[in-house]
Amino acid sequence: MPEHDVLCFGETMAMFVAEQVGDLASVGGFTKRIAGADSNVAIGLARLGFRVRWLSRVGDDSLGRFVLASLRQEGVDCSSVEVDGRHPTGFQLKGRCDDGSDPVVEYFRRHSAASHLSVAQLTPALLKARHLHATGIPLALSPGCRALSHALVEGMRAAGRSISFDPNLRPSLWPDHRSMVREVNALALKAHWLLPGLDEGRLLSGQKTPADIAAFYLDRGVEHVVIKLGGEGAYYRNARGEGQMAPVPVVNVVDTVGAGDAFAVGVVSALLEGRPLAEAVVRGNWCGSRAVQSPGDMEGLPLRHELEAHELRRSA
């Protein structure tokens, strides 16, 4: 039996969230949290009872200690996180909105400790996890992070493990769109389960419709493609069929950041439990709906008993 159910990797930053609406320059108070798409998924899966291992680096500083303490409190195994005495922990400033729009985010992550991840951190023990979840963000952080991403995916494939991939495109981290598309697709095509947003899928595949985007990847070896459609729910397709699941209605959208990560938690957790793809998408939609009703990036991620209560009500 594998020691861990899921391996996640990437950068967790400290995040300072504005306590007032307005220009960040005029905000006087901030609340400290953590942020990072990859670690959001790690936390979400840990909350659902999966044994999750986190591979990363943090600085030997107060923000690094805060990040580690926060992840450990969520039940994430941080034994593979290195403390870097030369480079700082990255952080971000996040604005507050009261109209449901995407908040302004300013990043301070250049030359961060996590950007110095490399294949030197890859050990045989990491490849014993049952599943690997990856995103396109580490690909953009540095050549070392990019090499590690490919080494992990290739190592897990060789070991017969399953791999999920969320492109999580960050154009501002890339020198140009062409290199972003090339590098992200190079890793996406090595995954078994692909979870792009509609705009991401269009940009990466050159196709327009969800069906054609999915076909682009299925024809190249991906097993499941699930495309997030925002207010229209999500489209899914594999060799056995396709469909579209309606979104969960939300009256009050508080913060849209992290909704895609929550969706990934729902889909990946259900597939790891052996649920059909359609059921996985339904769970992903529900997890995403919780995320947009919460102020932080990961505060809305459900606990196992909350998920079970919801699914029991739904089946009644």
C-alpha atoms as a PDB file:
ATOM      1  CA  MET A   1       0.000   0.000   0.000  1.00  0.00           C
ATOM      2  CA  PRO A   2       1.489   3.403  -0.969  1.00  0.00           C
ATOM      3  CA  GLU A   3       2.558   5.583   1.946  1.00  0.00           C
ATOM      4  CA  HIS A   4       0.694   8.538   0.410  1.00  0.00           C
ATOM      5  CA  ASP A   5      -2.399   8.806  -1.738  1.00  0.00           C
ATOM      6  CA  VAL A   6      -1.404  11.997  -3.532  1.00  0.00           C
ATOM      7  CA  LEU A   7       1.774  13.924  -4.225  1.00  0.00           C
ATOM      8  CA  CYS A   8       1.452  17.652  -4.966  1.00  0.00           C
ATOM      9  CA  PHE A   9       4.263  20.104  -5.631  1.00  0.00           C
ATOM     10  CA  GLY A  10       4.861  23.767  -6.367  1.00  0.00           C
ATOM     11  CA  GLU A  11       4.961  27.051  -4.497  1.00  0.00           C
ATOM     12  CA  THR A  12       2.969  28.125  -1.479  1.00  0.00           C
ATOM     13  CA  MET A  13       3.146  31.861  -0.832  1.00  0.00           C
ATOM     14  CA  ALA A  14       2.142  33.976   2.099  1.00  0.00           C
ATOM     15  CA  MET A  15      -0.835  36.120   1.129  1.00  0.00           C
ATOM     16  CA  PHE A  16      -1.892  39.461   2.581  1.00  0.00           C
ATOM     17  CA  VAL A  17      -5.581  40.064   1.868  1.00  0.00           C
ATOM     18  CA  ALA A  18      -6.878  43.643   2.022  1.00  0.00           C
ATOM     19  CA  GLU A  19      -9.445  44.262   4.724  1.00  0.00           C
ATOM     20  CA  GLN A  20     -11.010  47.151   2.787  1.00  0.00           C
ATOM     21  CA  VAL A  21     -12.178  47.594  -0.784  1.00  0.00           C
ATOM     22  CA  GLY A  22     -10.066  49.952  -2.888  1.00  0.00           C
ATOM     23  CA  ASP A  23      -6.629  50.519  -4.358  1.00  0.00           C
ATOM     24  CA  LEU A  24      -4.022  48.394  -2.577  1.00  0.00           C
ATOM     25  CA  ALA A  25      -1.914  51.522  -2.145  1.00  0.00           C
ATOM     26  CA  SER A  26      -4.571  53.037   0.118  1.00  0.00           C
ATOM     27  CA  VAL A  27      -5.439  49.911   2.119  1.00  0.00           C
ATOM     28  CA  GLY A  28      -4.268  50.125   5.720  1.00  0.00           C
ATOM     29  CA  GLY A  29      -5.035  46.629   6.990  1.00  0.00           C
ATOM     30  CA  PHE A  30      -4.352  43.138   5.679  1.00  0.00           C
ATOM     31  CA  THR A  31      -5.107  39.614   6.885  1.00  0.00           C
ATOM     32  CA  LYS A  32      -2.342  37.037   6.522  1.00  0.00           C
ATOM     33  CA  ARG A  33      -3.181  33.738   4.827  1.00  0.00           C
ATOM     34  CA  ILE A  34      -1.455  31.301   2.471  1.00  0.00           C
ATOM     35  CA  ALA A  35      -1.949  30.970  -1.281  1.00  0.00           C
ATOM     36  CA  GLY A  36      -0.915  28.720  -4.132  1.00  0.00           C
ATOM     37  CA  ALA A  37      -2.976  26.722  -6.616  1.00  0.00           C
ATOM     38  CA  ASP A  38      -0.980  23.531  -6.121  1.00  0.00           C
ATOM     39  CA  SER A  39      -1.132  23.630  -2.324  1.00  0.00           C
ATOM     40  CA  ASN A  40      -4.835  24.571  -2.431  1.00  0.00           C
ATOM     41  CA  VAL A  41      -5.449  21.187  -4.037  1.00  0.00           C
ATOM     42  CA  ALA A  42      -3.180  19.487  -1.504  1.00  0.00           C
ATOM     43  CA  ILE A  43      -5.163  21.036   1.347  1.00  0.00           C
ATOM     44  CA  GLY A  44      -8.497  20.193  -0.243  1.00  0.00           C
ATOM     45  CA  LEU A  45      -7.591  16.540  -0.690  1.00  0.00           C
ATOM     46  CA  ALA A  46      -6.187  16.349   2.848  1.00  0.00           C
ATOM     47  CA  ARG A  47      -9.463  17.744   4.209  1.00  0.00           C
ATOM     48  CA  LEU A  48     -11.255  14.894   2.462  1.00  0.00           C
ATOM     49  CA  GLY A  49      -9.086  12.348   4.231  1.00  0.00           C
ATOM     50  CA  PHE A  50      -6.462  11.611   1.592  1.00  0.00           C
ATOM     51  CA  ARG A  51      -2.846  11.229   2.685  1.00  0.00           C
ATOM     52  CA  VAL A  52      -1.141  14.085   0.848  1.00  0.00           C
ATOM     53  CA  ARG A  53       2.576  14.787   0.510  1.00  0.00           C
ATOM     54  CA  TRP A  54       3.760  18.282  -0.405  1.00  0.00           C
ATOM     55  CA  LEU A  55       7.041  18.897  -2.260  1.00  0.00           C
ATOM     56  CA  SER A  56       8.311  22.464  -2.139  1.00  0.00           C
ATOM     57  CA  ARG A  57      10.810  24.954  -0.695  1.00  0.00           C
ATOM     58  CA  VAL A  58      10.318  27.899   1.630  1.00  0.00           C
ATOM     59  CA  GLY A  59      12.682  30.552   2.885  1.00  0.00           C
ATOM     60  CA  ASP A  60      14.291  30.438   6.309  1.00  0.00           C
ATOM     61  CA  ASP A  61      12.098  33.309   7.416  1.00  0.00           C
ATOM     62  CA  SER A  62       8.897  34.100   9.292  1.00  0.00           C
ATOM     63  CA  LEU A  63       6.730  33.716   6.187  1.00  0.00           C
ATOM     64  CA  GLY A  64       8.232  30.297   5.512  1.00  0.00           C
ATOM     65  CA  ARG A  65       7.464  29.199   9.063  1.00  0.00           C
ATOM     66  CA  PHE A  66       3.934  30.528   8.670  1.00  0.00           C
ATOM     67  CA  VAL A  67       3.447  28.592   5.415  1.00  0.00           C
ATOM     68  CA  LEU A  68       4.708  25.335   6.927  1.00  0.00           C
ATOM     69  CA  ALA A  69       2.618  25.723  10.080  1.00  0.00           C
ATOM     70  CA  SER A  70      -0.499  26.433   8.010  1.00  0.00           C
ATOM     71  CA  LEU A  71      -0.020  23.390   5.777  1.00  0.00           C
ATOM     72  CA  ARG A  72       0.736  21.080   8.675  1.00  0.00           C
ATOM     73  CA  GLN A  73      -2.353  22.298  10.491  1.00  0.00           C
ATOM     74  CA  GLU A  74      -4.354  21.138   7.461  1.00  0.00           C
ATOM     75  CA  GLY A  75      -2.879  17.652   7.731  1.00  0.00           C
ATOM     76  CA  VAL A  76      -0.535  17.930   4.751  1.00  0.00           C
ATOM     77  CA  ASP A  77       2.759  16.010   5.054  1.00  0.00           C
ATOM     78  CA  CYS A  78       5.524  18.607   4.673  1.00  0.00           C
ATOM     79  CA  SER A  79       8.473  16.267   5.248  1.00  0.00           C
ATOM     80  CA  SER A  80       9.595  16.890   1.642  1.00  0.00           C
ATOM     81  CA  VAL A  81       9.633  20.687   1.996  1.00  0.00           C
ATOM     82  CA  GLU A  82      13.162  22.117   2.142  1.00  0.00           C
ATOM     83  CA  VAL A  83      14.020  25.267   4.074  1.00  0.00           C
ATOM     84  CA  ASP A  84      16.221  27.521   1.932  1.00  0.00           C
ATOM     85  CA  GLY A  85      18.606  29.798   3.815  1.00  0.00           C
ATOM     86  CA  ARG A  86      19.511  31.845   0.730  1.00  0.00           C
ATOM     87  CA  HIS A  87      16.199  32.732  -0.893  1.00  0.00           C
ATOM     88  CA  PRO A  88      12.993  34.172   0.596  1.00  0.00           C
ATOM     89  CA  THR A  89       9.457  32.838   0.776  1.00  0.00           C
ATOM     90  CA  GLY A  90       7.305  34.408  -1.938  1.00  0.00           C
ATOM     91  CA  PHE A  91       4.255  36.445  -1.026  1.00  0.00           C
ATOM     92  CA  GLN A  92       1.384  38.306  -2.631  1.00  0.00           C
ATOM     93  CA  LEU A  93      -0.954  41.205  -1.926  1.00  0.00           C
ATOM     94  CA  LYS A  94      -4.605  40.573  -2.749  1.00  0.00           C
ATOM     95  CA  GLY A  95      -7.293  43.211  -3.070  1.00  0.00           C
ATOM     96  CA  ARG A  96     -10.859  42.936  -1.839  1.00  0.00           C
ATOM     97  CA  CYS A  97     -13.909  43.268  -4.093  1.00  0.00           C
ATOM     98  CA  ASP A  98     -17.568  43.582  -3.183  1.00  0.00           C
ATOM     99  CA  ASP A  99     -19.053  43.018  -6.638  1.00  0.00           C
ATOM    100  CA  GLY A 100     -18.028  39.414  -7.366  1.00  0.00           C
ATOM    101  CA  SER A 101     -15.256  40.416  -9.799  1.00  0.00           C
ATOM    102  CA  ASP A 102     -11.721  39.016  -9.704  1.00  0.00           C
ATOM    103  CA  PRO A 103      -9.615  40.834  -7.098  1.00  0.00           C
ATOM    104  CA  VAL A 104      -6.334  42.542  -7.945  1.00  0.00           C
ATOM    105  CA  VAL A 105      -3.312  40.429  -7.013  1.00  0.00           C
ATOM    106  CA  GLU A 106       0.305  41.634  -6.898  1.00  0.00           C
ATOM    107  CA  TYR A 107       3.008  38.965  -6.702  1.00  0.00           C
ATOM    108  CA  PHE A 108       6.404  39.150  -5.013  1.00  0.00           C
ATOM    109  CA  ARG A 109       7.821  35.766  -5.957  1.00  0.00           C
ATOM    110  CA  ARG A 110      10.763  36.374  -8.290  1.00  0.00           C
ATOM    111  CA  HIS A 111      13.828  34.403  -7.102  1.00  0.00           C
ATOM    112  CA  SER A 112      11.782  32.896  -4.270  1.00  0.00           C
ATOM    113  CA  ALA A 113      12.880  29.737  -2.487  1.00  0.00           C
ATOM    114  CA  ALA A 114      10.308  27.636  -4.356  1.00  0.00           C
ATOM    115  CA  SER A 115      11.548  28.878  -7.722  1.00  0.00           C
ATOM    116  CA  HIS A 116      14.802  27.052  -6.909  1.00  0.00           C
ATOM    117  CA  LEU A 117      13.152  23.640  -6.863  1.00  0.00           C
ATOM    118  CA  SER A 118      14.957  21.190  -9.145  1.00  0.00           C
ATOM    119  CA  VAL A 119      15.376  17.497  -9.916  1.00  0.00           C
ATOM    120  CA  ALA A 120      17.747  17.398  -6.935  1.00  0.00           C
ATOM    121  CA  GLN A 121      14.601  17.225  -4.771  1.00  0.00           C
ATOM    122  CA  LEU A 122      13.304  14.100  -6.554  1.00  0.00           C
ATOM    123  CA  THR A 123      13.675  10.947  -4.458  1.00  0.00           C
ATOM    124  CA  PRO A 124      12.400   7.400  -5.088  1.00  0.00           C
ATOM    125  CA  ALA A 125      10.074   7.708  -2.079  1.00  0.00           C
ATOM    126  CA  LEU A 126       8.122  10.500  -3.783  1.00  0.00           C
ATOM    127  CA  LEU A 127       7.233   8.234  -6.683  1.00  0.00           C
ATOM    128  CA  LYS A 128       5.522   5.761  -4.352  1.00  0.00           C
ATOM    129  CA  ALA A 129       2.448   7.979  -4.000  1.00  0.00           C
ATOM    130  CA  ARG A 130      -0.664   6.596  -5.653  1.00  0.00           C
ATOM    131  CA  HIS A 131      -1.407   9.750  -7.649  1.00  0.00           C
ATOM    132  CA  LEU A 132       0.320  12.961  -8.778  1.00  0.00           C
ATOM    133  CA  HIS A 133      -1.494  16.268  -9.191  1.00  0.00           C
ATOM    134  CA  ALA A 134       0.391  18.885 -11.212  1.00  0.00           C
ATOM    135  CA  THR A 135      -0.289  22.341 -12.633  1.00  0.00           C
ATOM    136  CA  GLY A 136       1.344  24.553 -15.230  1.00  0.00           C
ATOM    137  CA  ILE A 137       2.549  27.075 -12.652  1.00  0.00           C
ATOM    138  CA  PRO A 138       5.869  25.395 -11.699  1.00  0.00           C
ATOM    139  CA  LEU A 139       6.683  25.171 -15.400  1.00  0.00           C
ATOM    140  CA  ALA A 140       6.809  28.970 -15.481  1.00  0.00           C
ATOM    141  CA  LEU A 141       8.798  29.593 -12.311  1.00  0.00           C
ATOM    142  CA  SER A 142      12.250  28.502 -13.492  1.00  0.00           C
ATOM    143  CA  PRO A 143      14.078  25.958 -15.676  1.00  0.00           C
ATOM    144  CA  GLY A 144      14.719  23.896 -12.554  1.00  0.00           C
ATOM    145  CA  CYS A 145      11.025  23.771 -11.661  1.00  0.00           C
ATOM    146  CA  ARG A 146      10.220  22.855 -15.240  1.00  0.00           C
ATOM    147  CA  ALA A 147      12.717  19.997 -15.229  1.00  0.00           C
ATOM    148  CA  LEU A 148      11.338  18.741 -11.915  1.00  0.00           C
ATOM    149  CA  SER A 149       7.772  18.844 -13.268  1.00  0.00           C
ATOM    150  CA  HIS A 150       8.673  16.626 -16.199  1.00  0.00           C
ATOM    151  CA  ALA A 151      10.788  14.289 -14.078  1.00  0.00           C
ATOM    152  CA  LEU A 152       7.943  13.783 -11.603  1.00  0.00           C
ATOM    153  CA  VAL A 153       5.350  13.165 -14.305  1.00  0.00           C
ATOM    154  CA  GLU A 154       7.588  10.796 -16.223  1.00  0.00           C
ATOM    155  CA  GLY A 155       8.613   8.973 -13.057  1.00  0.00           C
ATOM    156  CA  MET A 156       5.021   8.537 -11.938  1.00  0.00           C
ATOM    157  CA  ARG A 157       3.955   7.312 -15.371  1.00  0.00           C
ATOM    158  CA  ALA A 158       6.799   4.785 -15.387  1.00  0.00           C
ATOM    159  CA  ALA A 159       5.656   3.596 -11.946  1.00  0.00           C
ATOM    160  CA  GLY A 160       2.108   3.074 -13.241  1.00  0.00           C
ATOM    161  CA  ARG A 161       0.577   5.910 -11.195  1.00  0.00           C
ATOM    162  CA  SER A 162      -2.246   8.202 -12.290  1.00  0.00           C
ATOM    163  CA  ILE A 163      -1.612  11.894 -13.027  1.00  0.00           C
ATOM    164  CA  SER A 164      -3.985  14.857 -13.106  1.00  0.00           C
ATOM    165  CA  PHE A 165      -3.022  18.192 -14.641  1.00  0.00           C
ATOM    166  CA  ASP A 166      -4.619  21.625 -14.363  1.00  0.00           C
ATOM    167  CA  PRO A 167      -2.967  24.108 -16.764  1.00  0.00           C
ATOM    168  CA  ASN A 168      -3.545  27.059 -14.404  1.00  0.00           C
ATOM    169  CA  LEU A 169      -2.101  29.404 -17.005  1.00  0.00           C
ATOM    170  CA  ARG A 170      -0.211  32.440 -15.688  1.00  0.00           C
ATOM    171  CA  PRO A 171       0.736  34.454 -18.817  1.00  0.00           C
ATOM    172  CA  SER A 172       2.525  37.095 -16.729  1.00  0.00           C
ATOM    173  CA  LEU A 173       5.095  34.486 -15.669  1.00  0.00           C
ATOM    174  CA  TRP A 174       6.019  33.536 -19.253  1.00  0.00           C
ATOM    175  CA  PRO A 175       8.140  35.500 -21.758  1.00  0.00           C
ATOM    176  CA  ASP A 176       5.490  35.023 -24.476  1.00  0.00           C
ATOM    177  CA  HIS A 177       2.318  33.074 -25.268  1.00  0.00           C
ATOM    178  CA  ARG A 178       4.001  30.763 -27.759  1.00  0.00           C
ATOM    179  CA  SER A 179       6.474  29.353 -25.237  1.00  0.00           C
ATOM    180  CA  MET A 180       3.695  29.062 -22.650  1.00  0.00           C
ATOM    181  CA  VAL A 181       1.514  27.004 -24.982  1.00  0.00           C
ATOM    182  CA  ARG A 182       4.432  24.822 -26.067  1.00  0.00           C
ATOM    183  CA  GLU A 183       5.681  24.066 -22.561  1.00  0.00           C
ATOM    184  CA  VAL A 184       2.282  23.577 -20.929  1.00  0.00           C
ATOM    185  CA  ASN A 185       1.082  21.247 -23.677  1.00  0.00           C
ATOM    186  CA  ALA A 186       4.303  19.232 -23.417  1.00  0.00           C
ATOM    187  CA  LEU A 187       3.341  18.338 -19.846  1.00  0.00           C
ATOM    188  CA  ALA A 188      -0.433  18.183 -20.373  1.00  0.00           C
ATOM    189  CA  LEU A 189      -0.035  15.418 -22.949  1.00  0.00           C
ATOM    190  CA  LYS A 190       1.727  13.246 -20.351  1.00  0.00           C
ATOM    191  CA  ALA A 191      -1.226  13.418 -17.935  1.00  0.00           C
ATOM    192  CA  HIS A 192      -4.155  11.020 -17.645  1.00  0.00           C
ATOM    193  CA  TRP A 193      -6.760  13.528 -16.420  1.00  0.00           C
ATOM    194  CA  LEU A 194      -6.751  17.071 -17.852  1.00  0.00           C
ATOM    195  CA  LEU A 195      -8.720  19.928 -16.241  1.00  0.00           C
ATOM    196  CA  PRO A 196      -8.484  23.175 -18.250  1.00  0.00           C
ATOM    197  CA  GLY A 197     -10.811  26.145 -18.214  1.00  0.00           C
ATOM    198  CA  LEU A 198     -12.554  26.921 -21.512  1.00  0.00           C
ATOM    199  CA  ASP A 199     -10.312  29.880 -22.370  1.00  0.00           C
ATOM    200  CA  GLU A 200      -7.236  27.871 -21.425  1.00  0.00           C
ATOM    201  CA  GLY A 201      -8.364  24.974 -23.584  1.00  0.00           C
ATOM    202  CA  ARG A 202      -8.939  27.262 -26.552  1.00  0.00           C
ATOM    203  CA  LEU A 203      -5.530  28.872 -26.198  1.00  0.00           C
ATOM    204  CA  LEU A 204      -3.655  25.602 -25.723  1.00  0.00           C
ATOM    205  CA  SER A 205      -5.420  23.493 -28.358  1.00  0.00           C
ATOM    206  CA  GLY A 206      -6.359  26.081 -30.971  1.00  0.00           C
ATOM    207  CA  GLN A 207      -9.894  24.644 -30.934  1.00  0.00           C
ATOM    208  CA  LYS A 208     -13.086  26.553 -30.106  1.00  0.00           C
ATOM    209  CA  THR A 209     -15.736  24.218 -28.726  1.00  0.00           C
ATOM    210  CA  PRO A 210     -15.420  22.091 -25.576  1.00  0.00           C
ATOM    211  CA  ALA A 211     -15.939  18.948 -27.661  1.00  0.00           C
ATOM    212  CA  ASP A 212     -13.134  19.848 -30.071  1.00  0.00           C
ATOM    213  CA  ILE A 213     -10.788  20.854 -27.253  1.00  0.00           C
ATOM    214  CA  ALA A 214     -11.404  17.525 -25.540  1.00  0.00           C
ATOM    215  CA  ALA A 215     -10.906  15.625 -28.804  1.00  0.00           C
ATOM    216  CA  PHE A 216      -7.564  17.382 -29.334  1.00  0.00           C
ATOM    217  CA  TYR A 217      -6.230  15.882 -26.106  1.00  0.00           C
ATOM    218  CA  LEU A 218      -8.022  12.539 -26.204  1.00  0.00           C
ATOM    219  CA  ASP A 219      -6.574  11.898 -29.650  1.00  0.00           C
ATOM    220  CA  ARG A 220      -3.111  12.460 -28.154  1.00  0.00           C
ATOM    221  CA  GLY A 221      -3.460  10.013 -25.283  1.00  0.00           C
ATOM    222  CA  VAL A 222      -5.175  11.838 -22.417  1.00  0.00           C
ATOM    223  CA  GLU A 223      -7.837   9.608 -20.816  1.00  0.00           C
ATOM    224  CA  HIS A 224     -10.280  12.109 -19.254  1.00  0.00           C
ATOM    225  CA  VAL A 225     -10.788  15.757 -20.202  1.00  0.00           C
ATOM    226  CA  VAL A 226     -12.938  18.001 -18.017  1.00  0.00           C
ATOM    227  CA  ILE A 227     -13.400  21.623 -19.133  1.00  0.00           C
ATOM    228  CA  LYS A 228     -14.552  24.280 -16.677  1.00  0.00           C
ATOM    229  CA  LEU A 229     -17.227  26.503 -18.214  1.00  0.00           C
ATOM    230  CA  GLY A 230     -17.746  29.001 -15.391  1.00  0.00           C
ATOM    231  CA  GLY A 231     -21.409  29.905 -15.108  1.00  0.00           C
ATOM    232  CA  GLU A 232     -22.302  27.124 -17.570  1.00  0.00           C
ATOM    233  CA  GLY A 233     -20.941  24.321 -15.384  1.00  0.00           C
ATOM    234  CA  ALA A 234     -18.449  21.853 -16.848  1.00  0.00           C
ATOM    235  CA  TYR A 235     -18.079  19.623 -19.897  1.00  0.00           C
ATOM    236  CA  TYR A 236     -16.470  16.190 -19.727  1.00  0.00           C
ATOM    237  CA  ARG A 237     -15.413  13.594 -22.244  1.00  0.00           C
ATOM    238  CA  ASN A 238     -13.534  10.310 -22.387  1.00  0.00           C
ATOM    239  CA  ALA A 239     -13.556   7.229 -24.620  1.00  0.00           C
ATOM    240  CA  ARG A 240     -16.862   6.091 -23.092  1.00  0.00           C
ATOM    241  CA  GLY A 241     -18.872   9.249 -23.599  1.00  0.00           C
ATOM    242  CA  GLU A 242     -19.360  12.939 -22.987  1.00  0.00           C
ATOM    243  CA  GLY A 243     -21.707  15.310 -21.236  1.00  0.00           C
ATOM    244  CA  GLN A 244     -22.176  18.661 -19.543  1.00  0.00           C
ATOM    245  CA  MET A 245     -23.062  19.189 -15.910  1.00  0.00           C
ATOM    246  CA  ALA A 246     -24.902  22.309 -14.803  1.00  0.00           C
ATOM    247  CA  PRO A 247     -23.302  24.534 -12.173  1.00  0.00           C
ATOM    248  CA  VAL A 248     -24.456  24.739  -8.580  1.00  0.00           C
ATOM    249  CA  PRO A 249     -26.439  28.011  -8.203  1.00  0.00           C
ATOM    250  CA  VAL A 250     -24.672  30.625  -6.079  1.00  0.00           C
ATOM    251  CA  VAL A 251     -26.503  33.702  -4.817  1.00  0.00           C
ATOM    252  CA  ASN A 252     -23.577  35.608  -3.329  1.00  0.00           C
ATOM    253  CA  VAL A 253     -20.171  35.384  -5.031  1.00  0.00           C
ATOM    254  CA  VAL A 254     -17.556  36.582  -2.534  1.00  0.00           C
ATOM    255  CA  ASP A 255     -14.214  35.651  -4.145  1.00  0.00           C
ATOM    256  CA  THR A 256     -13.622  33.738  -7.370  1.00  0.00           C
ATOM    257  CA  VAL A 257      -9.932  32.990  -6.735  1.00  0.00           C
ATOM    258  CA  GLY A 258      -9.411  29.318  -5.900  1.00  0.00           C
ATOM    259  CA  ALA A 259     -12.631  28.081  -7.510  1.00  0.00           C
ATOM    260  CA  GLY A 260     -10.724  26.116 -10.150  1.00  0.00           C
ATOM    261  CA  ASP A 261      -8.553  24.510  -7.483  1.00  0.00           C
ATOM    262  CA  ALA A 262     -11.652  23.500  -5.509  1.00  0.00           C
ATOM    263  CA  PHE A 263     -13.131  22.058  -8.708  1.00  0.00           C
ATOM    264  CA  ALA A 264      -9.957  19.993  -9.168  1.00  0.00           C
ATOM    265  CA  VAL A 265     -10.250  18.725  -5.587  1.00  0.00           C
ATOM    266  CA  GLY A 266     -13.762  17.506  -6.306  1.00  0.00           C
ATOM    267  CA  VAL A 267     -12.937  15.807  -9.591  1.00  0.00           C
ATOM    268  CA  VAL A 268      -9.652  14.233  -8.493  1.00  0.00           C
ATOM    269  CA  SER A 269     -11.021  12.976  -5.166  1.00  0.00           C
ATOM    270  CA  ALA A 270     -14.003  11.324  -6.842  1.00  0.00           C
ATOM    271  CA  LEU A 271     -11.882   9.667  -9.533  1.00  0.00           C
ATOM    272  CA  LEU A 272      -9.475   8.378  -6.888  1.00  0.00           C
ATOM    273  CA  GLU A 273     -12.494   6.829  -5.165  1.00  0.00           C
ATOM    274  CA  GLY A 274     -13.405   5.051  -8.399  1.00  0.00           C
ATOM    275  CA  ARG A 275     -16.458   7.207  -9.149  1.00  0.00           C
ATOM    276  CA  PRO A 276     -17.594   7.624 -12.794  1.00  0.00           C
ATOM    277  CA  LEU A 277     -16.366  10.766 -14.544  1.00  0.00           C
ATOM    278  CA  ALA A 278     -19.848  12.317 -14.596  1.00  0.00           C
ATOM    279  CA  GLU A 279     -20.133  11.977 -10.803  1.00  0.00           C
ATOM    280  CA  ALA A 280     -16.663  13.447 -10.416  1.00  0.00           C
ATOM    281  CA  VAL A 281     -17.710  16.532 -12.376  1.00  0.00           C
ATOM    282  CA  VAL A 282     -20.818  16.970 -10.233  1.00  0.00           C
ATOM    283  CA  ARG A 283     -18.616  16.910  -7.128  1.00  0.00           C
ATOM    284  CA  GLY A 284     -16.189  19.344  -8.759  1.00  0.00           C
ATOM    285  CA  ASN A 285     -19.001  21.800  -9.470  1.00  0.00           C
ATOM    286  CA  TRP A 286     -20.167  21.640  -5.855  1.00  0.00           C
ATOM    287  CA  CYS A 287     -16.662  22.180  -4.457  1.00  0.00           C
ATOM    288  CA  GLY A 288     -16.169  25.125  -6.812  1.00  0.00           C
ATOM    289  CA  SER A 289     -19.446  26.672  -5.680  1.00  0.00           C
ATOM    290  CA  ARG A 290     -18.273  26.562  -2.065  1.00  0.00           C
ATOM    291  CA  ALA A 291     -14.998  28.253  -2.989  1.00  0.00           C
ATOM    292  CA  VAL A 292     -16.612  31.322  -4.568  1.00  0.00           C
ATOM    293  CA  GLN A 293     -18.698  31.890  -1.444  1.00  0.00           C
ATOM    294  CA  SER A 294     -15.615  32.176   0.803  1.00  0.00           C
ATOM    295  CA  PRO A 295     -13.151  35.093   1.128  1.00  0.00           C
ATOM    296  CA  GLY A 296      -9.851  33.189   0.887  1.00  0.00           C
ATOM    297  CA  ASP A 297      -8.290  30.940  -1.743  1.00  0.00           C
ATOM    298  CA  MET A 298      -8.908  27.722   0.203  1.00  0.00           C
ATOM    299  CA  GLU A 299     -11.211  28.538   3.116  1.00  0.00           C
ATOM    300  CA  GLY A 300     -14.269  27.094   1.329  1.00  0.00           C
ATOM    301  CA  LEU A 301     -12.731  23.668   0.683  1.00  0.00           C
ATOM    302  CA  PRO A 302     -15.013  21.084   2.352  1.00  0.00           C
ATOM    303  CA  LEU A 303     -14.196  18.602   5.086  1.00  0.00           C
ATOM    304  CA  ARG A 304     -15.066  14.944   4.511  1.00  0.00           C
ATOM    305  CA  HIS A 305     -18.146  15.024   6.745  1.00  0.00           C
ATOM    306  CA  GLU A 306     -19.455  18.093   4.890  1.00  0.00           C
ATOM    307  CA  LEU A 307     -18.996  16.357   1.544  1.00  0.00           C
ATOM    308  CA  GLU A 308     -20.688  13.199   2.767  1.00  0.00           C
ATOM    309  CA  ALA A 309     -23.622  15.156   4.203  1.00  0.00           C
ATOM    310  CA  HIS A 310     -24.062  17.009   0.908  1.00  0.00           C
ATOM    311  CA  GLU A 311     -23.924  13.850  -1.194  1.00  0.00           C
ATOM    312  CA  LEU A 312     -26.342  12.113   1.156  1.00  0.00           C
ATOM    313  CA  ARG A 313     -28.841  14.977   0.783  1.00  0.00           C
ATOM    314  CA  ARG A 314     -28.360  14.963  -2.968  1.00  0.00           C
ATOM    315  CA  SER A 315     -29.093  11.239  -3.238  1.00  0.00           C
ATOM    316  CA  ALA A 316     -32.128  11.352  -0.935  1.00  0.00           C
END
